[in-house]
C-alpha atoms as a PDB file:
ATOM      1  CA  MET A   1       0.162  -0.103   0.035  1.00  0.00           C
ATOM      2  CA  LEU A   2       1.255   3.637  -0.902  1.00  0.00           C
ATOM      3  CA  SER A   3       0.367   6.379   1.198  1.00  0.00           C
ATOM      4  CA  VAL A   4       0.956  10.022   0.447  1.00  0.00           C
ATOM      5  CA  THR A   5      -0.152  12.669   2.671  1.00  0.00           C
ATOM      6  CA  PHE A   6      -0.482  16.480   1.259  1.00  0.00           C
ATOM      7  CA  LYS A   7      -0.944  19.669   3.569  1.00  0.00           C
ATOM      8  CA  ALA A   8      -3.214  22.166   2.336  1.00  0.00           C
ATOM      9  CA  SER A   9      -3.771  25.195   4.804  1.00  0.00           C
ATOM     10  CA  THR A  10      -4.134  23.678   8.092  1.00  0.00           C
ATOM     11  CA  ARG A  11      -5.665  20.482   6.933  1.00  0.00           C
ATOM     12  CA  SER A  12      -3.782  17.397   5.935  1.00  0.00           C
ATOM     13  CA  LEU A  13      -5.357  15.050   3.317  1.00  0.00           C
ATOM     14  CA  ARG A  14      -4.466  11.457   2.975  1.00  0.00           C
ATOM     15  CA  PHE A  15      -4.615   9.495   0.019  1.00  0.00           C
ATOM     16  CA  ALA A  16      -4.267   5.743  -0.154  1.00  0.00           C
ATOM     17  CA  SER A  17      -3.759   3.536  -3.341  1.00  0.00           C
ATOM     18  CA  THR A  18      -4.038  -0.402  -3.109  1.00  0.00           C
ATOM     19  CA  ALA A  19      -3.788  -2.651  -6.183  1.00  0.00           C
ATOM     20  CA  GLY A  20      -4.537   0.041  -8.562  1.00  0.00           C
ATOM     21  CA  HIS A  21      -7.591   1.474  -6.762  1.00  0.00           C
ATOM     22  CA  SER A  22      -7.607   5.039  -5.131  1.00  0.00           C
ATOM     23  CA  LEU A  23      -8.961   5.991  -2.068  1.00  0.00           C
ATOM     24  CA  ARG A  24      -9.792   9.049  -0.650  1.00  0.00           C
ATOM     25  CA  SER A  25     -10.100  10.116   2.715  1.00  0.00           C
ATOM     26  CA  ALA A  26     -13.075  11.388   4.484  1.00  0.00           C
ATOM     27  CA  VAL A  27     -11.737  14.933   4.707  1.00  0.00           C
ATOM     28  CA  GLY A  28     -12.148  15.170   0.652  1.00  0.00           C
ATOM     29  CA  LEU A  29     -10.119  17.946  -1.270  1.00  0.00           C
ATOM     30  CA  ARG A  30     -11.322  21.417  -1.407  1.00  0.00           C
ATOM     31  CA  GLN A  31     -11.158  23.793  -4.379  1.00  0.00           C
ATOM     32  CA  PHE A  32     -10.701  27.560  -4.219  1.00  0.00           C
ATOM     33  CA  HIS A  33     -11.432  29.625  -7.067  1.00  0.00           C
ATOM     34  CA  GLY A  34      -9.998  33.279  -7.057  1.00  0.00           C
ATOM     35  CA  SER A  35     -10.125  35.935  -9.334  1.00  0.00           C
ATOM     36  CA  LEU A  36      -9.518  39.482  -9.353  1.00  0.00           C
ATOM     37  CA  LYS A  37     -12.331  42.002  -9.343  1.00  0.00           C
ATOM     38  CA  SER A  38     -12.747  42.863 -12.923  1.00  0.00           C
ATOM     39  CA  GLN A  39     -13.782  46.303 -12.341  1.00  0.00           C
ATOM     40  CA  GLU A  40     -12.510  49.141  -9.935  1.00  0.00           C
ATOM     41  CA  HIS A  41     -13.919  52.493  -8.854  1.00  0.00           C
ATOM     42  CA  TYR A  42     -11.384  55.260  -7.798  1.00  0.00           C
ATOM     43  CA  LEU A  43     -13.678  57.808  -6.623  1.00  0.00           C
ATOM     44  CA  ASN A  44     -12.732  61.249  -5.945  1.00  0.00           C
ATOM     45  CA  ALA A  45      -9.309  60.666  -7.522  1.00  0.00           C
ATOM     46  CA  ASP A  46      -6.345  63.222  -7.554  1.00  0.00           C
ATOM     47  CA  GLU A  47      -3.994  63.641 -10.401  1.00  0.00           C
ATOM     48  CA  LYS A  48      -1.688  60.784  -9.163  1.00  0.00           C
ATOM     49  CA  THR A  49      -4.250  58.285  -9.081  1.00  0.00           C
ATOM     50  CA  PHE A  50      -5.666  59.410 -12.484  1.00  0.00           C
ATOM     51  CA  GLU A  51      -2.418  58.994 -13.985  1.00  0.00           C
ATOM     52  CA  LYS A  52      -1.741  55.590 -12.338  1.00  0.00           C
ATOM     53  CA  VAL A  53      -5.031  54.096 -13.473  1.00  0.00           C
ATOM     54  CA  ALA A  54      -6.125  56.007 -16.974  1.00  0.00           C
ATOM     55  CA  LEU A  55      -2.668  56.668 -18.502  1.00  0.00           C
ATOM     56  CA  ASN A  56      -0.973  53.272 -17.595  1.00  0.00           C
ATOM     57  CA  PRO A  57      -0.424  51.622 -21.218  1.00  0.00           C
ATOM     58  CA  ALA A  58      -0.359  48.101 -19.124  1.00  0.00           C
ATOM     59  CA  ASN A  59      -3.698  48.378 -18.036  1.00  0.00           C
ATOM     60  CA  GLU A  60      -5.677  46.046 -20.178  1.00  0.00           C
ATOM     61  CA  LYS A  61      -8.972  47.353 -19.005  1.00  0.00           C
ATOM     62  CA  ALA A  62     -10.895  50.544 -20.413  1.00  0.00           C
ATOM     63  CA  VAL A  63     -10.990  53.456 -17.996  1.00  0.00           C
ATOM     64  CA  LEU A  64     -13.830  55.821 -17.953  1.00  0.00           C
ATOM     65  CA  VAL A  65     -13.029  59.043 -16.211  1.00  0.00           C
ATOM     66  CA  ASP A  66     -16.066  61.158 -15.163  1.00  0.00           C
ATOM     67  CA  PHE A  67     -15.253  64.849 -14.640  1.00  0.00           C
ATOM     68  CA  TYR A  68     -17.663  66.078 -12.296  1.00  0.00           C
ATOM     69  CA  ALA A  69     -18.491  68.682  -9.675  1.00  0.00           C
ATOM     70  CA  GLU A  70     -20.846  68.468  -6.277  1.00  0.00           C
ATOM     71  CA  TRP A  71     -22.946  71.599  -7.272  1.00  0.00           C
ATOM     72  CA  CYS A  72     -23.601  69.947 -10.754  1.00  0.00           C
ATOM     73  CA  ASN A  73     -26.997  68.295 -10.918  1.00  0.00           C
ATOM     74  CA  PRO A  74     -26.440  66.560 -14.264  1.00  0.00           C
ATOM     75  CA  CYS A  75     -23.497  65.099 -12.895  1.00  0.00           C
ATOM     76  CA  LYS A  76     -25.514  63.528  -9.962  1.00  0.00           C
ATOM     77  CA  MET A  77     -27.732  62.010 -12.494  1.00  0.00           C
ATOM     78  CA  ILE A  78     -24.985  60.255 -14.438  1.00  0.00           C
ATOM     79  CA  SER A  79     -22.450  58.951 -11.935  1.00  0.00           C
ATOM     80  CA  PRO A  80     -25.161  56.435 -10.298  1.00  0.00           C
ATOM     81  CA  LEU A  81     -25.510  55.150 -13.630  1.00  0.00           C
ATOM     82  CA  LEU A  82     -21.544  55.010 -14.386  1.00  0.00           C
ATOM     83  CA  GLU A  83     -20.926  53.200 -11.072  1.00  0.00           C
ATOM     84  CA  LYS A  84     -24.170  50.796 -11.939  1.00  0.00           C
ATOM     85  CA  LEU A  85     -22.595  50.116 -15.326  1.00  0.00           C
ATOM     86  CA  THR A  86     -18.952  49.913 -14.351  1.00  0.00           C
ATOM     87  CA  SER A  87     -19.796  47.704 -11.479  1.00  0.00           C
ATOM     88  CA  ASP A  88     -21.685  44.971 -13.998  1.00  0.00           C
ATOM     89  CA  GLU A  89     -19.514  42.211 -14.982  1.00  0.00           C
ATOM     90  CA  THR A  90     -21.491  41.555 -18.024  1.00  0.00           C
ATOM     91  CA  VAL A  91     -21.115  45.399 -19.626  1.00  0.00           C
ATOM     92  CA  LYS A  92     -17.773  45.288 -21.605  1.00  0.00           C
ATOM     93  CA  THR A  93     -16.478  47.350 -24.310  1.00  0.00           C
ATOM     94  CA  GLY A  94     -17.179  46.685 -27.988  1.00  0.00           C
ATOM     95  CA  SER A  95     -13.882  45.000 -28.009  1.00  0.00           C
ATOM     96  CA  GLY A  96     -14.587  42.695 -24.879  1.00  0.00           C
ATOM     97  CA  ARG A  97     -12.864  44.671 -22.118  1.00  0.00           C
ATOM     98  CA  SER A  98     -13.682  45.203 -18.577  1.00  0.00           C
ATOM     99  CA  LEU A  99     -14.210  48.903 -17.238  1.00  0.00           C
ATOM    100  CA  ASP A 100     -12.955  50.872 -14.337  1.00  0.00           C
ATOM    101  CA  LEU A 101     -14.341  54.178 -13.204  1.00  0.00           C
ATOM    102  CA  VAL A 102     -12.187  56.974 -12.230  1.00  0.00           C
ATOM    103  CA  THR A 103     -14.146  60.300 -10.732  1.00  0.00           C
ATOM    104  CA  VAL A 104     -12.457  63.649 -10.653  1.00  0.00           C
ATOM    105  CA  ASP A 105     -13.863  66.589  -9.032  1.00  0.00           C
ATOM    106  CA  THR A 106     -13.119  69.471 -11.210  1.00  0.00           C
ATOM    107  CA  ASP A 107     -13.110  71.864  -7.869  1.00  0.00           C
ATOM    108  CA  SER A 108     -10.315  70.192  -6.272  1.00  0.00           C
ATOM    109  CA  GLU A 109      -8.093  68.983  -9.453  1.00  0.00           C
ATOM    110  CA  PHE A 110      -8.922  71.987 -11.649  1.00  0.00           C
ATOM    111  CA  ASP A 111      -5.496  71.600 -13.318  1.00  0.00           C
ATOM    112  CA  LEU A 112      -6.419  68.477 -14.322  1.00  0.00           C
ATOM    113  CA  ALA A 113      -9.875  69.364 -15.561  1.00  0.00           C
ATOM    114  CA  THR A 114      -7.811  72.223 -17.649  1.00  0.00           C
ATOM    115  CA  LYS A 115      -5.345  69.910 -19.095  1.00  0.00           C
ATOM    116  CA  TYR A 116      -8.051  67.493 -20.490  1.00  0.00           C
ATOM    117  CA  LYS A 117      -9.965  70.667 -21.758  1.00  0.00           C
ATOM    118  CA  VAL A 118     -13.169  70.056 -19.443  1.00  0.00           C
ATOM    119  CA  ARG A 119     -15.514  73.112 -20.356  1.00  0.00           C
ATOM    120  CA  ALA A 120     -18.663  71.652 -19.478  1.00  0.00           C
ATOM    121  CA  LEU A 121     -19.905  68.939 -16.935  1.00  0.00           C
ATOM    122  CA  PRO A 122     -20.073  66.235 -16.751  1.00  0.00           C
ATOM    123  CA  THR A 123     -17.669  65.179 -18.969  1.00  0.00           C
ATOM    124  CA  VAL A 124     -16.552  61.525 -19.451  1.00  0.00           C
ATOM    125  CA  ILE A 125     -13.340  60.746 -21.274  1.00  0.00           C
ATOM    126  CA  ALA A 126     -12.468  57.016 -22.023  1.00  0.00           C
ATOM    127  CA  PHE A 127      -8.869  55.760 -22.235  1.00  0.00           C
ATOM    128  CA  LYS A 128      -7.312  52.613 -23.571  1.00  0.00           C
ATOM    129  CA  ASP A 129      -4.012  51.320 -23.372  1.00  0.00           C
ATOM    130  CA  GLY A 130      -3.361  54.732 -21.293  1.00  0.00           C
ATOM    131  CA  GLN A 131      -4.457  56.849 -24.443  1.00  0.00           C
ATOM    132  CA  LYS A 132      -7.339  59.008 -24.707  1.00  0.00           C
ATOM    133  CA  VAL A 133     -10.123  57.361 -27.413  1.00  0.00           C
ATOM    134  CA  ASP A 134     -13.541  58.881 -27.073  1.00  0.00           C
ATOM    135  CA  GLN A 135     -15.557  61.246 -24.870  1.00  0.00           C
ATOM    136  CA  PHE A 136     -18.960  62.621 -24.422  1.00  0.00           C
ATOM    137  CA  VAL A 137     -20.090  66.081 -22.343  1.00  0.00           C
ATOM    138  CA  GLY A 138     -23.597  65.758 -20.690  1.00  0.00           C
ATOM    139  CA  ALA A 139     -25.876  63.839 -19.110  1.00  0.00           C
ATOM    140  CA  LEU A 140     -26.649  60.839 -21.098  1.00  0.00           C
ATOM    141  CA  ASN A 141     -29.391  58.218 -20.199  1.00  0.00           C
ATOM    142  CA  GLU A 142     -28.289  54.409 -19.464  1.00  0.00           C
ATOM    143  CA  ASP A 143     -28.758  53.263 -23.008  1.00  0.00           C
ATOM    144  CA  GLY A 144     -26.679  56.362 -24.362  1.00  0.00           C
ATOM    145  CA  ILE A 145     -23.791  55.297 -21.997  1.00  0.00           C
ATOM    146  CA  ARG A 146     -24.330  51.816 -23.027  1.00  0.00           C
ATOM    147  CA  GLN A 147     -23.808  52.623 -26.774  1.00  0.00           C
ATOM    148  CA  PHE A 148     -20.827  54.828 -25.647  1.00  0.00           C
ATOM    149  CA  ILE A 149     -19.221  51.780 -23.896  1.00  0.00           C
ATOM    150  CA  ALA A 150     -20.094  49.635 -27.024  1.00  0.00           C
ATOM    151  CA  LYS A 151     -18.097  51.928 -29.106  1.00  0.00           C
ATOM    152  CA  LEU A 152     -14.766  51.525 -27.148  1.00  0.00           C
END
């Protein structure tokens, strides 16, 4: 009889083999499936976070950057829609990429908003592979945002 013991975590699993038959102990094997969260939200990002996420050429996800202000009513309508859609694992770009969301408060990150020529709110800019690829200005409804994402 051949006997082998494996240590997995804090449990020992014992397998025995006799005459070509394999017997598993009563403890059994436990399989763990782990995956990285496919979407991330970076709310109220500063310029450093923006650059790390949106301008990262190694980022395999598309990044939606929502430039907003607390006093902007259309921003208050679109922000929850963006959070909802970017949290939904079934929502992908037309090229099949997952989405990250970065929100930037234009009142506290004025220089960043100026750099990207944000002239009206809300402004949503899409980045892929660290490059700006598209944008829209104004509050779109959910279907309009889905169409925008599908084009990416």
